[in-house]
Amino acid sequence: MTGRTPPRWLRWTLVVATAVAACVAFGVTTATATLSLGPHEAVYEVDTDGLVVADLGPLGTIEIDSPLPLGLGVDVTVKEIPADLTAVEGASTLDRLVGDLDQYLQFYNTPEVTIEAVARALAGDAVRRTLVALAVVALAGWGVRVLLGAARRRELAEWAAPRTWRLAAGTAVVALVATTVVSGDVDPPRAGRPATEVFAGTALEGARITGRLAGVVDDYGGQLTALYDENEAFYAEARGELSTAWDSWDIRHAVRTNLGQEAADGEDVVSMLIVSDLHCNTGMSGLIEESAVRSGADVVLNAGDTTMNGTAVEKTCVDSFAAAVPEGVPMVVADGNHDSVLTSQQEAAHGQIILDGGVVEVAGVRILGDRDALETRIGEGTSVARERTPAEQAAELAETACAENGVDLLLIHTPPVGTPALETGCVPFQVSGHTHRRAGPEQVGQGIRYVSSSTAGAASGQPTVGPLRGTAEMTVLRFDLDTREMLDTQLVEVTPDGRAVVHDRVPVPGVVPPVGELKAGVPGTGPSAPASDAPATVSPGPTAP
C-alpha cells in the first residue's frame, strides 16, 4: 500500500482541486438574479433540468431547450408588472392580458439585450457564491485542523494517504449530487410536447407553452407575431434609408469641400450627437448607432427621458441604447422627468457620465448639467422629486456656470431651467429636450439655446413602442476647441413612413449684445447678426410631455 500512496504535494493538490470544483459547481448551479422580462419583474435561477422555464403562475409555463452546457438550465419566475405600470381603468381582464402581451413586443425587438444582461448577472452571482463557498470550506478546514491537533492529524493522514483517489472521487460525486439536488427543484421536461408554432421565426422559436396561456397565445399570438414582424421590418428598412441618406450627404459635403464652399473637417473640431426623449423606443437603437458612426461622433449627448417611468424593468431600454453607442464614445446624460435615480444608476453602470449639478470635461468640452428636479409617473402626475424646486435648480446652475470659468455647454432636460444661466452670459450654448418639439438654435439672454425633438418620434397620446408615430430626430452639433465656439447643427430625421433625411449643416447664429452695449461700442460675438434684433425668448414647454 505504501508504494501506491501519492506524494504529499499531489494529495494536497487533489484536496484543493476537489474543494474548488465542488464550490464552483455549487456557485454555478445555485446562481440567481432578479431582473426583468418584458414588462414584468422576474427571478432567474440556474438549475439542472436542461430547460429555460418561465413560470407564469396559473397561466402556465413557457419552456425552451437551454443553450447552456452540461445540462444546465434556467428557471424564470415571472412576477407582477410593477404597480407604476398600471392598466387603464375599465378595461376587461382579457383586454389587460392582451395589453400585457403587447408589452412583450419591446422584449422581442431586442431579446439579445435581456439575454446578455441575465447572463452577466447570473455569472456575477455564480462567482460570488463560489467565493463564499470557498471561504466557508477554507474556514471549516482550518477550524477542524485546529480542533484535531497535531497527533490526531498525523493519524488521519496515515489512514487517508493510501485511499487518496477513492476519497477524492467520492467527495466529488457527493458534492455534485448535493448541488444537483439543491438546484434541481423544477419538474423535469415532458417529452413529446410540440413547440408552439406561433413563435416560429421569432426569438422564442421552439418554445413550448402550457396551461391557460397556450390558449391565449393560440388566439392572440398571431397578432403579437405580426406586430413583431412589422416592427423588425420597419426599423431595418428605416436604418437602410438612413444609411442611404448619409451616403447622399457625404457626397454633397465632399463636392462642396472640393469647390471651396465648405471648410474641411478639422482635427480640433468635436462632433456631438444629440438624442432626447427616447421613451424606451429601442427600435431606434440601430439608427442611433448608424448616425453616431456616420457622423463621426466624439460624444453622445442624451437630454433625458430615456425611459417612461424610471422603473427597474426598463433596464432593458437603458441597455439597448447603451449598446447603440460606438465603443470608446462617451455618453453624457441629463436625465429627465420620466427617468429616476434608478435610471441614472443603470446608465452609470454602462460607464455613461451622469450630470448632477457640476461641470465635467468630455473630449475637451466643458459641460455643465443636472438631472430634472421633477418626476412624472404614468397615472400619478408630476411632483418635485429632489431637495430643490426647478426654480432653485435653475438659480444654482446659473451660479455654478459663473463660478466655473469657461463652461462651453449646458445640458439639461427642461429648457426654461437653463434660462437664468443663459441670461448671465456665463453659458454660451444650451441643449435641452422635453417638449418633443425642435426649437432653435436661437438667442436667449446672452447665449444660444437648442431644443431637440424626440428621438423616439414620440407623438401626443401615442405609445413609443413599435413603428414611429411621429418624426424621430437627432442632431449633430460641432464645437471648435480652438475658438471655444459652437460651429453648426445638422438635423437628422426619420419619418413615420420610414424615410430618412440628413440635412446640411446650419451655422450657429452669433449672440447679439444688448442695445446699450452696442451703443457703447462693445462688439458682439456674432457680427453677421443684425444689430436691431432683440434677444429671442422661448416659452416653457408642457410640464410632462
Protein backbone atom coordinates (compact mmCIF):
# COMPACT_ATOMS: atom_id res chain seq x y z
CA MET A 1 0.00 0.00 0.00
CA THR A 2 2.88 2.36 0.76
CA GLY A 3 4.06 2.22 -2.83
CA ARG A 4 0.69 3.34 -4.11
CA THR A 5 0.46 6.36 -1.83
CA PRO A 6 0.66 9.63 -3.84
CA PRO A 7 3.25 12.21 -2.73
CA ARG A 8 2.16 14.86 -0.24
CA TRP A 9 2.06 17.69 -2.78
CA LEU A 10 -0.25 15.67 -5.04
CA ARG A 11 -2.55 14.78 -2.14
CA TRP A 12 -2.96 18.44 -1.22
CA THR A 13 -3.44 19.39 -4.86
CA LEU A 14 -6.29 16.87 -5.10
CA VAL A 15 -7.86 18.18 -1.90
CA VAL A 16 -7.76 21.79 -3.14
CA ALA A 17 -8.92 20.88 -6.66
CA THR A 18 -11.82 18.83 -5.29
CA ALA A 19 -12.87 21.65 -2.97
CA VAL A 20 -12.67 24.23 -5.75
CA ALA A 21 -14.63 22.02 -8.17
CA ALA A 22 -17.35 21.42 -5.60
CA CYS A 23 -17.56 25.13 -4.78
CA VAL A 24 -17.70 26.08 -8.47
CA ALA A 25 -20.45 23.51 -9.06
CA PHE A 26 -22.37 24.90 -6.09
CA GLY A 27 -21.90 28.51 -7.24
CA VAL A 28 -22.95 27.84 -10.84
CA THR A 29 -25.95 25.61 -10.11
CA THR A 30 -27.41 27.88 -7.43
CA ALA A 31 -26.88 31.29 -9.11
CA THR A 32 -29.87 33.65 -9.11
CA ALA A 33 -30.62 37.14 -10.42
CA THR A 34 -33.59 39.50 -10.25
CA LEU A 35 -34.08 41.42 -13.50
CA SER A 36 -36.94 41.97 -15.94
CA LEU A 37 -38.75 40.01 -18.62
CA GLY A 38 -40.74 42.29 -20.89
CA PRO A 39 -42.93 44.45 -18.60
CA HIS A 40 -42.53 42.08 -15.64
CA GLU A 41 -40.08 41.71 -12.83
CA ALA A 42 -38.56 38.22 -12.88
CA VAL A 43 -36.29 35.99 -10.82
CA TYR A 44 -33.77 33.91 -12.81
CA GLU A 45 -32.33 30.77 -11.16
CA VAL A 46 -29.87 28.28 -12.64
CA ASP A 47 -30.98 24.63 -12.39
CA THR A 48 -30.00 21.30 -13.93
CA ASP A 49 -33.06 20.27 -15.95
CA GLY A 50 -31.66 21.38 -19.34
CA LEU A 51 -34.53 23.84 -19.94
CA VAL A 52 -35.23 27.55 -19.78
CA VAL A 53 -38.60 27.55 -18.00
CA ALA A 54 -40.60 30.76 -17.49
CA ASP A 55 -43.17 30.14 -14.76
CA LEU A 56 -46.22 32.35 -15.32
CA GLY A 57 -48.17 31.01 -12.37
CA PRO A 58 -51.75 29.90 -13.12
CA LEU A 59 -51.35 30.86 -16.76
CA GLY A 60 -48.84 28.03 -17.27
CA THR A 61 -45.21 27.97 -18.36
CA ILE A 62 -43.03 28.71 -21.37
CA GLU A 63 -40.31 26.09 -21.92
CA ILE A 64 -37.30 26.39 -24.24
CA ASP A 65 -34.38 24.00 -24.65
CA SER A 66 -31.48 25.54 -22.75
CA PRO A 67 -28.43 26.73 -24.73
CA LEU A 68 -26.24 26.22 -21.62
CA PRO A 69 -23.73 23.32 -21.48
CA LEU A 70 -23.59 20.39 -19.03
CA GLY A 71 -27.36 20.09 -18.76
CA LEU A 72 -27.74 23.47 -17.06
CA GLY A 73 -30.99 25.36 -17.44
CA VAL A 74 -32.63 28.49 -16.08
CA ASP A 75 -35.85 28.68 -14.08
CA VAL A 76 -37.58 32.06 -14.61
CA THR A 77 -40.24 33.05 -12.10
CA VAL A 78 -42.20 35.87 -13.71
CA LYS A 79 -43.61 38.21 -11.10
CA GLU A 80 -46.08 41.06 -11.27
CA ILE A 81 -45.95 44.08 -13.55
CA PRO A 82 -44.79 46.89 -11.22
CA ALA A 83 -47.62 48.98 -9.82
CA ASP A 84 -46.43 52.10 -11.62
CA LEU A 85 -47.10 50.38 -14.97
CA THR A 86 -50.84 50.30 -14.39
CA ALA A 87 -53.54 49.20 -16.77
CA VAL A 88 -56.24 51.56 -17.96
CA GLU A 89 -59.22 51.58 -15.62
CA GLY A 90 -62.35 50.00 -17.01
CA ALA A 91 -60.53 47.55 -19.27
CA SER A 92 -61.61 43.92 -19.04
CA THR A 93 -59.28 41.21 -17.72
CA LEU A 94 -58.77 39.86 -21.23
CA ASP A 95 -58.07 43.35 -22.57
CA ARG A 96 -55.43 43.83 -19.89
CA LEU A 97 -53.87 40.46 -20.67
CA VAL A 98 -53.71 41.29 -24.37
CA GLY A 99 -52.20 44.65 -23.45
CA ASP A 100 -49.56 42.91 -21.34
CA LEU A 101 -48.72 40.61 -24.25
CA ASP A 102 -48.30 43.66 -26.44
CA GLN A 103 -45.68 44.96 -23.98
CA TYR A 104 -43.55 41.93 -24.84
CA LEU A 105 -43.02 43.41 -28.29
CA GLN A 106 -40.28 45.54 -26.80
CA PHE A 107 -38.60 42.42 -25.40
CA TYR A 108 -38.93 40.56 -28.72
CA ASN A 109 -37.46 43.55 -30.58
CA THR A 110 -34.14 43.30 -28.73
CA PRO A 111 -34.07 39.95 -26.89
CA GLU A 112 -30.29 39.81 -27.01
CA VAL A 113 -30.11 42.78 -24.62
CA THR A 114 -32.13 40.93 -21.96
CA ILE A 115 -30.22 37.68 -22.54
CA GLU A 116 -26.87 39.43 -22.20
CA ALA A 117 -27.96 41.22 -19.01
CA VAL A 118 -29.25 37.97 -17.48
CA ALA A 119 -26.07 36.10 -18.43
CA ARG A 120 -23.88 38.79 -16.83
CA ALA A 121 -26.00 38.87 -13.68
CA LEU A 122 -26.03 35.07 -13.29
CA ALA A 123 -22.30 34.82 -13.96
CA GLY A 124 -21.60 37.50 -11.37
CA ASP A 125 -23.79 35.77 -8.79
CA ALA A 126 -22.15 32.41 -9.57
CA VAL A 127 -18.70 33.93 -8.93
CA ARG A 128 -19.88 35.46 -5.65
CA ARG A 129 -21.42 32.20 -4.46
CA THR A 130 -18.30 30.27 -5.44
CA LEU A 131 -16.05 32.64 -3.49
CA VAL A 132 -18.33 32.46 -0.45
CA ALA A 133 -18.35 28.65 -0.63
CA LEU A 134 -14.55 28.58 -0.91
CA ALA A 135 -14.27 30.87 2.11
CA VAL A 136 -16.63 28.65 4.12
CA VAL A 137 -14.71 25.50 3.14
CA ALA A 138 -11.35 27.12 3.97
CA LEU A 139 -12.57 28.35 7.38
CA ALA A 140 -14.17 24.99 8.14
CA GLY A 141 -10.96 23.18 7.20
CA TRP A 142 -8.89 25.49 9.35
CA GLY A 143 -11.28 25.04 12.29
CA VAL A 144 -11.22 21.23 12.00
CA ARG A 145 -7.44 21.31 11.76
CA VAL A 146 -7.17 23.31 14.99
CA LEU A 147 -9.65 21.11 16.84
CA LEU A 148 -7.97 17.85 15.83
CA GLY A 149 -4.49 18.72 16.98
CA ALA A 150 -1.18 17.58 15.51
CA ALA A 151 -1.25 13.98 16.78
CA ARG A 152 -4.74 13.21 15.52
CA ARG A 153 -3.99 14.87 12.14
CA ARG A 154 -0.99 12.56 11.69
CA GLU A 155 -3.13 9.50 12.41
CA LEU A 156 -5.79 10.58 9.92
CA ALA A 157 -3.18 11.41 7.29
CA GLU A 158 -1.61 7.96 7.61
CA TRP A 159 -5.03 6.37 7.19
CA ALA A 160 -6.19 8.61 4.29
CA ALA A 161 -2.95 8.72 2.26
CA PRO A 162 -3.31 5.29 0.59
CA ARG A 163 -7.03 5.96 -0.02
CA THR A 164 -6.50 9.32 -1.68
CA TRP A 165 -8.03 8.51 -5.07
CA ARG A 166 -11.14 6.88 -3.65
CA LEU A 167 -11.74 9.68 -1.17
CA ALA A 168 -11.32 12.38 -3.85
CA ALA A 169 -13.72 10.65 -6.26
CA GLY A 170 -16.30 10.03 -3.56
CA THR A 171 -16.16 13.63 -2.33
CA ALA A 172 -16.62 14.99 -5.85
CA VAL A 173 -19.62 12.71 -6.51
CA VAL A 174 -21.29 13.64 -3.22
CA ALA A 175 -20.73 17.37 -3.86
CA LEU A 176 -22.15 17.20 -7.38
CA VAL A 177 -25.18 15.19 -6.25
CA ALA A 178 -25.79 17.64 -3.42
CA THR A 179 -25.69 20.70 -5.68
CA THR A 180 -27.93 18.94 -8.20
CA VAL A 181 -30.49 18.23 -5.50
CA VAL A 182 -30.34 21.84 -4.32
CA SER A 183 -30.78 23.35 -7.79
CA GLY A 184 -33.00 20.77 -9.50
CA ASP A 185 -36.29 21.69 -7.84
CA VAL A 186 -38.11 22.14 -11.18
CA ASP A 187 -40.25 19.40 -12.68
CA PRO A 188 -38.43 17.51 -15.44
CA PRO A 189 -39.37 18.31 -19.05
CA ARG A 190 -42.26 16.45 -20.55
CA ALA A 191 -41.13 14.51 -23.59
CA GLY A 192 -43.01 14.85 -26.81
CA ARG A 193 -44.61 18.22 -26.16
CA PRO A 194 -44.68 20.07 -29.51
CA ALA A 195 -43.26 23.55 -29.96
CA THR A 196 -45.81 26.36 -30.25
CA GLU A 197 -45.99 27.23 -33.94
CA VAL A 198 -46.83 30.88 -33.43
CA PHE A 199 -43.25 31.61 -32.33
CA ALA A 200 -41.66 30.15 -35.47
CA GLY A 201 -39.13 32.60 -36.87
CA THR A 202 -39.01 34.71 -33.69
CA ALA A 203 -36.64 34.88 -30.73
CA LEU A 204 -38.82 32.28 -28.96
CA GLU A 205 -38.79 29.70 -31.76
CA GLY A 206 -39.06 26.22 -30.27
CA ALA A 207 -40.86 27.39 -27.12
CA ARG A 208 -43.48 25.09 -25.62
CA ILE A 209 -46.48 26.70 -23.92
CA THR A 210 -48.51 25.06 -21.16
CA GLY A 211 -51.65 25.95 -19.23
CA ARG A 212 -54.21 28.64 -20.00
CA LEU A 213 -51.57 30.78 -21.66
CA ALA A 214 -51.37 28.27 -24.51
CA GLY A 215 -54.97 29.08 -25.48
CA VAL A 216 -54.36 32.81 -25.26
CA VAL A 217 -51.26 32.53 -27.42
CA ASP A 218 -53.15 30.44 -29.97
CA ASP A 219 -55.90 33.08 -30.13
CA TYR A 220 -53.82 36.25 -29.94
CA GLY A 221 -50.25 35.15 -30.66
CA GLY A 222 -50.66 35.82 -34.35
CA GLN A 223 -51.36 39.45 -33.58
CA LEU A 224 -48.23 39.68 -31.44
CA THR A 225 -46.08 37.96 -34.06
CA ALA A 226 -47.43 40.29 -36.73
CA LEU A 227 -46.54 43.29 -34.56
CA TYR A 228 -43.05 41.91 -34.01
CA ASP A 229 -42.50 41.28 -37.72
CA GLU A 230 -43.85 44.72 -38.59
CA ASN A 231 -41.57 46.36 -36.05
CA GLU A 232 -38.49 44.46 -37.20
CA ALA A 233 -39.15 45.24 -40.85
CA PHE A 234 -39.85 48.92 -40.22
CA TYR A 235 -36.65 49.68 -38.35
CA ALA A 236 -34.49 47.53 -40.62
CA GLU A 237 -35.80 49.42 -43.64
CA ALA A 238 -35.50 52.76 -41.83
CA ARG A 239 -31.87 52.07 -40.99
CA GLY A 240 -31.21 51.26 -44.63
CA GLU A 241 -32.85 54.55 -45.64
CA LEU A 242 -30.77 56.40 -43.07
CA SER A 243 -27.56 54.83 -44.38
CA THR A 244 -28.51 55.95 -47.90
CA ALA A 245 -29.25 59.46 -46.63
CA TRP A 246 -25.82 59.65 -45.01
CA ASP A 247 -24.24 58.44 -48.26
CA SER A 248 -26.00 61.25 -50.11
CA TRP A 249 -24.83 63.85 -47.61
CA ASP A 250 -21.25 62.57 -47.72
CA ILE A 251 -21.22 63.11 -51.48
CA ARG A 252 -22.67 66.63 -51.18
CA HIS A 253 -20.19 67.52 -48.46
CA ALA A 254 -17.21 66.18 -50.47
CA VAL A 255 -18.23 68.18 -53.57
CA ARG A 256 -18.68 71.40 -51.60
CA THR A 257 -15.36 70.91 -49.84
CA ASN A 258 -13.55 70.36 -53.14
CA LEU A 259 -15.17 73.51 -54.57
CA GLY A 260 -14.13 75.53 -51.53
CA GLN A 261 -17.73 76.15 -50.50
CA GLU A 262 -17.26 74.36 -47.16
CA ALA A 263 -14.26 74.00 -44.90
CA ALA A 264 -12.80 70.55 -44.41
CA ASP A 265 -13.43 68.95 -41.04
CA GLY A 266 -10.59 69.99 -38.72
CA GLU A 267 -8.84 67.89 -36.10
CA ASP A 268 -9.77 70.38 -33.37
CA VAL A 269 -13.50 70.07 -34.03
CA VAL A 270 -15.58 67.89 -31.68
CA SER A 271 -18.76 66.31 -33.06
CA MET A 272 -21.59 65.63 -30.59
CA LEU A 273 -24.72 63.62 -31.44
CA ILE A 274 -27.82 64.83 -29.56
CA VAL A 275 -30.59 62.39 -28.65
CA SER A 276 -33.55 63.14 -26.40
CA ASP A 277 -36.87 61.76 -25.16
CA LEU A 278 -36.17 58.19 -26.26
CA HIS A 279 -39.01 56.87 -24.04
CA CYS A 280 -37.91 53.24 -24.35
CA ASN A 281 -38.28 53.05 -28.14
CA THR A 282 -35.48 50.51 -28.50
CA GLY A 283 -36.25 50.18 -32.20
CA MET A 284 -34.30 53.42 -32.67
CA SER A 285 -31.11 51.95 -31.18
CA GLY A 286 -29.80 50.79 -34.54
CA LEU A 287 -30.49 54.17 -36.12
CA ILE A 288 -28.74 55.97 -33.27
CA GLU A 289 -25.73 53.74 -33.82
CA GLU A 290 -25.84 54.45 -37.56
CA SER A 291 -25.82 58.21 -37.02
CA ALA A 292 -23.15 58.07 -34.32
CA VAL A 293 -20.84 56.13 -36.62
CA ARG A 294 -21.57 58.05 -39.82
CA SER A 295 -21.29 61.47 -38.19
CA GLY A 296 -18.01 60.54 -36.52
CA ALA A 297 -19.46 61.48 -33.15
CA ASP A 298 -16.88 62.04 -30.43
CA VAL A 299 -19.60 62.38 -27.77
CA VAL A 300 -23.28 61.44 -27.47
CA LEU A 301 -25.43 63.94 -25.55
CA ASN A 302 -28.60 62.47 -24.03
CA ALA A 303 -31.02 65.22 -22.99
CA GLY A 304 -33.17 62.90 -20.86
CA ASP A 305 -36.36 60.84 -20.71
CA THR A 306 -34.64 57.62 -21.71
CA THR A 307 -37.44 55.65 -20.02
CA MET A 308 -41.18 56.06 -19.45
CA ASN A 309 -41.35 55.59 -15.68
CA GLY A 310 -37.81 55.04 -14.44
CA THR A 311 -38.62 51.51 -13.23
CA ALA A 312 -36.34 48.50 -12.76
CA VAL A 313 -37.90 46.63 -15.69
CA GLU A 314 -36.89 49.47 -18.04
CA LYS A 315 -33.24 48.50 -17.63
CA THR A 316 -33.66 46.74 -20.98
CA CYS A 317 -34.24 50.14 -22.57
CA VAL A 318 -31.13 51.63 -20.95
CA ASP A 319 -29.08 48.60 -22.02
CA SER A 320 -30.29 48.81 -25.61
CA PHE A 321 -29.42 52.50 -26.00
CA ALA A 322 -26.04 51.98 -24.30
CA ALA A 323 -25.24 49.23 -26.81
CA ALA A 324 -26.02 51.68 -29.65
CA VAL A 325 -23.13 53.97 -28.68
CA PRO A 326 -19.92 53.03 -30.52
CA GLU A 327 -17.15 51.64 -28.35
CA GLY A 328 -14.95 54.36 -26.91
CA VAL A 329 -17.52 57.13 -27.43
CA PRO A 330 -18.72 58.62 -24.12
CA MET A 331 -22.40 59.36 -23.49
CA VAL A 332 -23.23 62.36 -21.28
CA VAL A 333 -26.71 62.23 -19.73
CA ALA A 334 -29.02 64.82 -18.16
CA ASP A 335 -31.88 62.58 -17.01
CA GLY A 336 -35.43 63.85 -17.43
CA ASN A 337 -38.69 63.86 -15.52
CA HIS A 338 -39.65 60.39 -16.84
CA ASP A 339 -36.37 58.94 -15.55
CA SER A 340 -35.35 58.22 -11.94
CA VAL A 341 -32.36 57.78 -9.67
CA LEU A 342 -32.52 54.08 -10.57
CA THR A 343 -32.30 55.01 -14.26
CA SER A 344 -29.19 57.08 -13.53
CA GLN A 345 -27.63 54.12 -11.71
CA GLN A 346 -28.40 51.81 -14.64
CA GLU A 347 -26.81 54.28 -17.07
CA ALA A 348 -23.77 54.81 -14.85
CA ALA A 349 -23.25 51.02 -14.80
CA HIS A 350 -22.56 51.30 -18.56
CA GLY A 351 -19.93 53.97 -17.94
CA GLN A 352 -22.17 56.84 -19.00
CA ILE A 353 -21.43 60.25 -17.49
CA ILE A 354 -24.41 61.34 -15.38
CA LEU A 355 -24.66 65.09 -14.83
CA ASP A 356 -25.55 66.06 -11.26
CA GLY A 357 -25.11 69.80 -10.96
CA GLY A 358 -21.39 70.03 -11.67
CA VAL A 359 -19.06 70.57 -14.63
CA VAL A 360 -17.38 67.68 -16.46
CA GLU A 361 -14.86 67.84 -19.29
CA VAL A 362 -15.51 65.38 -22.10
CA ALA A 363 -13.45 65.31 -25.32
CA GLY A 364 -12.18 68.79 -24.42
CA VAL A 365 -15.69 70.27 -23.98
CA ARG A 366 -16.66 71.59 -20.53
CA ILE A 367 -20.25 70.53 -19.91
CA LEU A 368 -22.50 71.69 -17.06
CA GLY A 369 -25.81 69.97 -16.34
CA ASP A 370 -28.15 68.22 -13.97
CA ARG A 371 -30.97 65.72 -13.92
CA ASP A 372 -34.51 67.09 -13.81
CA ALA A 373 -35.89 68.30 -10.48
CA LEU A 374 -39.33 66.86 -11.34
CA GLU A 375 -40.51 63.29 -11.75
CA THR A 376 -43.52 62.28 -13.84
CA ARG A 377 -45.17 58.91 -13.33
CA ILE A 378 -47.92 57.49 -15.50
CA GLY A 379 -51.20 57.65 -13.61
CA GLU A 380 -49.68 59.72 -10.79
CA GLY A 381 -48.75 63.04 -12.40
CA THR A 382 -45.69 65.22 -11.79
CA SER A 383 -44.09 66.12 -8.48
CA VAL A 384 -40.85 67.61 -7.16
CA ALA A 385 -38.55 64.67 -6.51
CA ARG A 386 -35.43 66.44 -5.31
CA GLU A 387 -34.45 68.68 -2.42
CA ARG A 388 -34.94 71.78 -4.56
CA THR A 389 -37.55 73.12 -6.97
CA PRO A 390 -36.90 73.76 -10.66
CA ALA A 391 -36.52 77.49 -9.95
CA GLU A 392 -33.94 76.80 -7.24
CA GLN A 393 -32.16 74.38 -9.53
CA ALA A 394 -32.07 77.00 -12.29
CA ALA A 395 -30.53 79.56 -9.94
CA GLU A 396 -27.88 77.08 -8.76
CA LEU A 397 -26.93 76.19 -12.32
CA ALA A 398 -26.51 79.88 -13.17
CA GLU A 399 -24.34 80.37 -10.07
CA THR A 400 -22.20 77.34 -10.90
CA ALA A 401 -21.79 78.44 -14.51
CA CYS A 402 -20.43 81.83 -13.45
CA ALA A 403 -18.23 80.34 -10.73
CA GLU A 404 -16.74 77.78 -13.14
CA ASN A 405 -14.74 79.80 -15.62
CA GLY A 406 -15.14 78.56 -19.18
CA VAL A 407 -18.32 76.47 -19.37
CA ASP A 408 -18.91 75.55 -23.03
CA LEU A 409 -22.28 73.80 -22.88
CA LEU A 410 -25.26 73.46 -20.57
CA LEU A 411 -27.13 70.13 -20.94
CA ILE A 412 -30.45 69.86 -19.13
CA HIS A 413 -33.80 68.24 -19.88
CA THR A 414 -36.32 71.08 -19.39
CA PRO A 415 -35.42 74.22 -21.43
CA PRO A 416 -36.54 77.04 -19.06
CA VAL A 417 -34.34 75.68 -16.25
CA GLY A 418 -31.34 76.99 -18.18
CA THR A 419 -32.72 80.48 -18.82
CA PRO A 420 -31.04 82.21 -15.82
CA ALA A 421 -27.67 80.77 -16.81
CA LEU A 422 -28.13 81.97 -20.40
CA GLU A 423 -29.15 85.43 -19.22
CA THR A 424 -25.97 85.84 -17.20
CA GLY A 425 -23.81 85.24 -20.26
CA CYS A 426 -21.86 82.58 -18.35
CA VAL A 427 -23.28 79.82 -20.60
CA PRO A 428 -22.78 80.32 -24.36
CA PHE A 429 -24.87 77.33 -25.51
CA GLN A 430 -27.64 75.14 -24.07
CA VAL A 431 -29.05 71.78 -25.25
CA SER A 432 -32.40 70.53 -23.93
CA GLY A 433 -35.32 68.27 -24.80
CA HIS A 434 -38.64 67.66 -23.02
CA THR A 435 -41.07 69.47 -25.32
CA HIS A 436 -40.95 66.92 -28.18
CA ARG A 437 -40.68 69.95 -30.49
CA ARG A 438 -37.47 71.26 -32.00
CA ALA A 439 -36.65 74.92 -31.38
CA GLY A 440 -33.60 76.96 -32.33
CA PRO A 441 -30.78 77.40 -32.26
CA GLU A 442 -31.86 80.85 -31.12
CA GLN A 443 -30.68 83.51 -28.72
CA VAL A 444 -31.97 83.55 -25.16
CA GLY A 445 -30.39 86.14 -22.89
CA GLN A 446 -26.70 86.20 -23.76
CA GLY A 447 -26.49 82.61 -25.01
CA ILE A 448 -27.89 80.28 -27.66
CA ARG A 449 -30.46 77.61 -26.87
CA TYR A 450 -31.24 74.49 -28.90
CA VAL A 451 -34.22 72.30 -28.01
CA SER A 452 -34.13 68.80 -29.51
CA SER A 453 -37.28 67.00 -30.56
CA SER A 454 -37.96 63.37 -29.60
CA THR A 455 -35.56 60.76 -30.97
CA ALA A 456 -38.33 58.21 -30.36
CA GLY A 457 -40.74 60.03 -32.66
CA ALA A 458 -42.97 60.49 -29.60
CA ALA A 459 -46.42 61.77 -30.52
CA SER A 460 -49.05 63.01 -28.09
CA GLY A 461 -51.21 60.19 -26.72
CA GLN A 462 -49.37 57.51 -28.74
CA PRO A 463 -47.11 54.71 -27.45
CA THR A 464 -43.46 54.83 -28.47
CA VAL A 465 -43.14 51.04 -28.80
CA GLY A 466 -43.48 49.86 -32.40
CA PRO A 467 -43.08 51.74 -35.69
CA LEU A 468 -42.75 55.51 -35.45
CA ARG A 469 -45.90 57.56 -34.81
CA GLY A 470 -44.09 60.87 -35.28
CA THR A 471 -40.84 62.07 -36.85
CA ALA A 472 -37.77 60.96 -34.92
CA GLU A 473 -34.94 63.48 -34.78
CA MET A 474 -31.27 63.55 -33.88
CA THR A 475 -28.86 66.45 -34.22
CA VAL A 476 -25.12 66.62 -34.81
CA LEU A 477 -23.56 69.59 -33.01
CA ARG A 478 -19.96 70.64 -33.75
CA PHE A 479 -17.67 72.54 -31.39
CA ASP A 480 -14.32 74.21 -32.21
CA LEU A 481 -11.77 73.58 -29.47
CA ASP A 482 -9.55 76.45 -30.63
CA THR A 483 -12.15 79.23 -30.70
CA ARG A 484 -14.35 77.61 -27.99
CA GLU A 485 -17.42 78.20 -30.17
CA MET A 486 -20.27 76.06 -31.46
CA LEU A 487 -19.95 75.91 -35.22
CA ASP A 488 -23.14 74.40 -36.62
CA THR A 489 -26.04 71.99 -36.20
CA GLN A 490 -27.02 69.17 -38.55
CA LEU A 491 -30.52 67.72 -38.32
CA VAL A 492 -31.20 64.01 -38.94
CA GLU A 493 -34.85 62.99 -39.43
CA VAL A 494 -36.67 59.66 -39.77
CA THR A 495 -40.36 59.95 -40.68
CA PRO A 496 -43.26 57.61 -39.79
CA ASP A 497 -43.21 56.24 -43.34
CA GLY A 498 -39.59 55.12 -42.83
CA ARG A 499 -37.90 57.78 -44.94
CA ALA A 500 -34.73 59.44 -43.67
CA VAL A 501 -33.15 62.82 -44.35
CA VAL A 502 -29.70 64.05 -43.33
CA HIS A 503 -29.84 67.82 -43.66
CA ASP A 504 -26.94 70.12 -44.44
CA ARG A 505 -25.10 71.85 -41.64
CA VAL A 506 -26.56 75.16 -40.44
CA PRO A 507 -24.19 77.68 -38.80
CA VAL A 508 -24.98 78.56 -35.19
CA PRO A 509 -26.08 82.22 -35.04
CA GLY A 510 -23.90 84.68 -33.17
CA VAL A 511 -25.03 86.33 -29.95
CA VAL A 512 -26.22 89.93 -30.28
CA PRO A 513 -25.27 92.07 -27.26
CA PRO A 514 -27.89 94.25 -25.55
CA VAL A 515 -28.67 97.52 -27.34
CA GLY A 516 -26.96 99.54 -24.62
CA GLU A 517 -23.69 97.73 -25.15
CA LEU A 518 -23.93 98.23 -28.92
CA LYS A 519 -24.33 101.97 -28.43
CA ALA A 520 -21.29 101.93 -26.17
CA GLY A 521 -19.28 100.34 -28.95
CA VAL A 522 -18.95 96.88 -27.41
CA PRO A 523 -18.57 94.39 -30.27
CA GLY A 524 -20.80 91.32 -30.31
CA THR A 525 -19.67 87.77 -30.84
CA GLY A 526 -21.81 87.44 -33.92
CA PRO A 527 -21.10 90.26 -36.37
CA SER A 528 -23.29 88.64 -39.03
CA ALA A 529 -26.44 89.15 -36.94
CA PRO A 530 -28.37 92.43 -37.37
CA ALA A 531 -27.79 94.83 -34.51
CA SER A 532 -31.51 95.64 -34.23
CA ASP A 533 -32.51 92.06 -33.37
CA ALA A 534 -33.78 91.72 -29.81
CA PRO A 535 -32.87 88.63 -27.81
CA ALA A 536 -35.32 85.86 -28.51
CA THR A 537 -37.42 84.23 -25.79
CA VAL A 538 -38.82 80.75 -25.66
CA SER A 539 -41.90 79.96 -23.61
CA PRO A 540 -41.69 76.92 -21.31
CA GLY A 541 -42.93 73.65 -22.74
CA PRO A 542 -45.58 71.50 -21.12
CA THR A 543 -44.75 70.01 -17.72
CA ALA A 544 -44.69 66.35 -18.72
CA PRO A 545 -44.92 65.57 -22.43
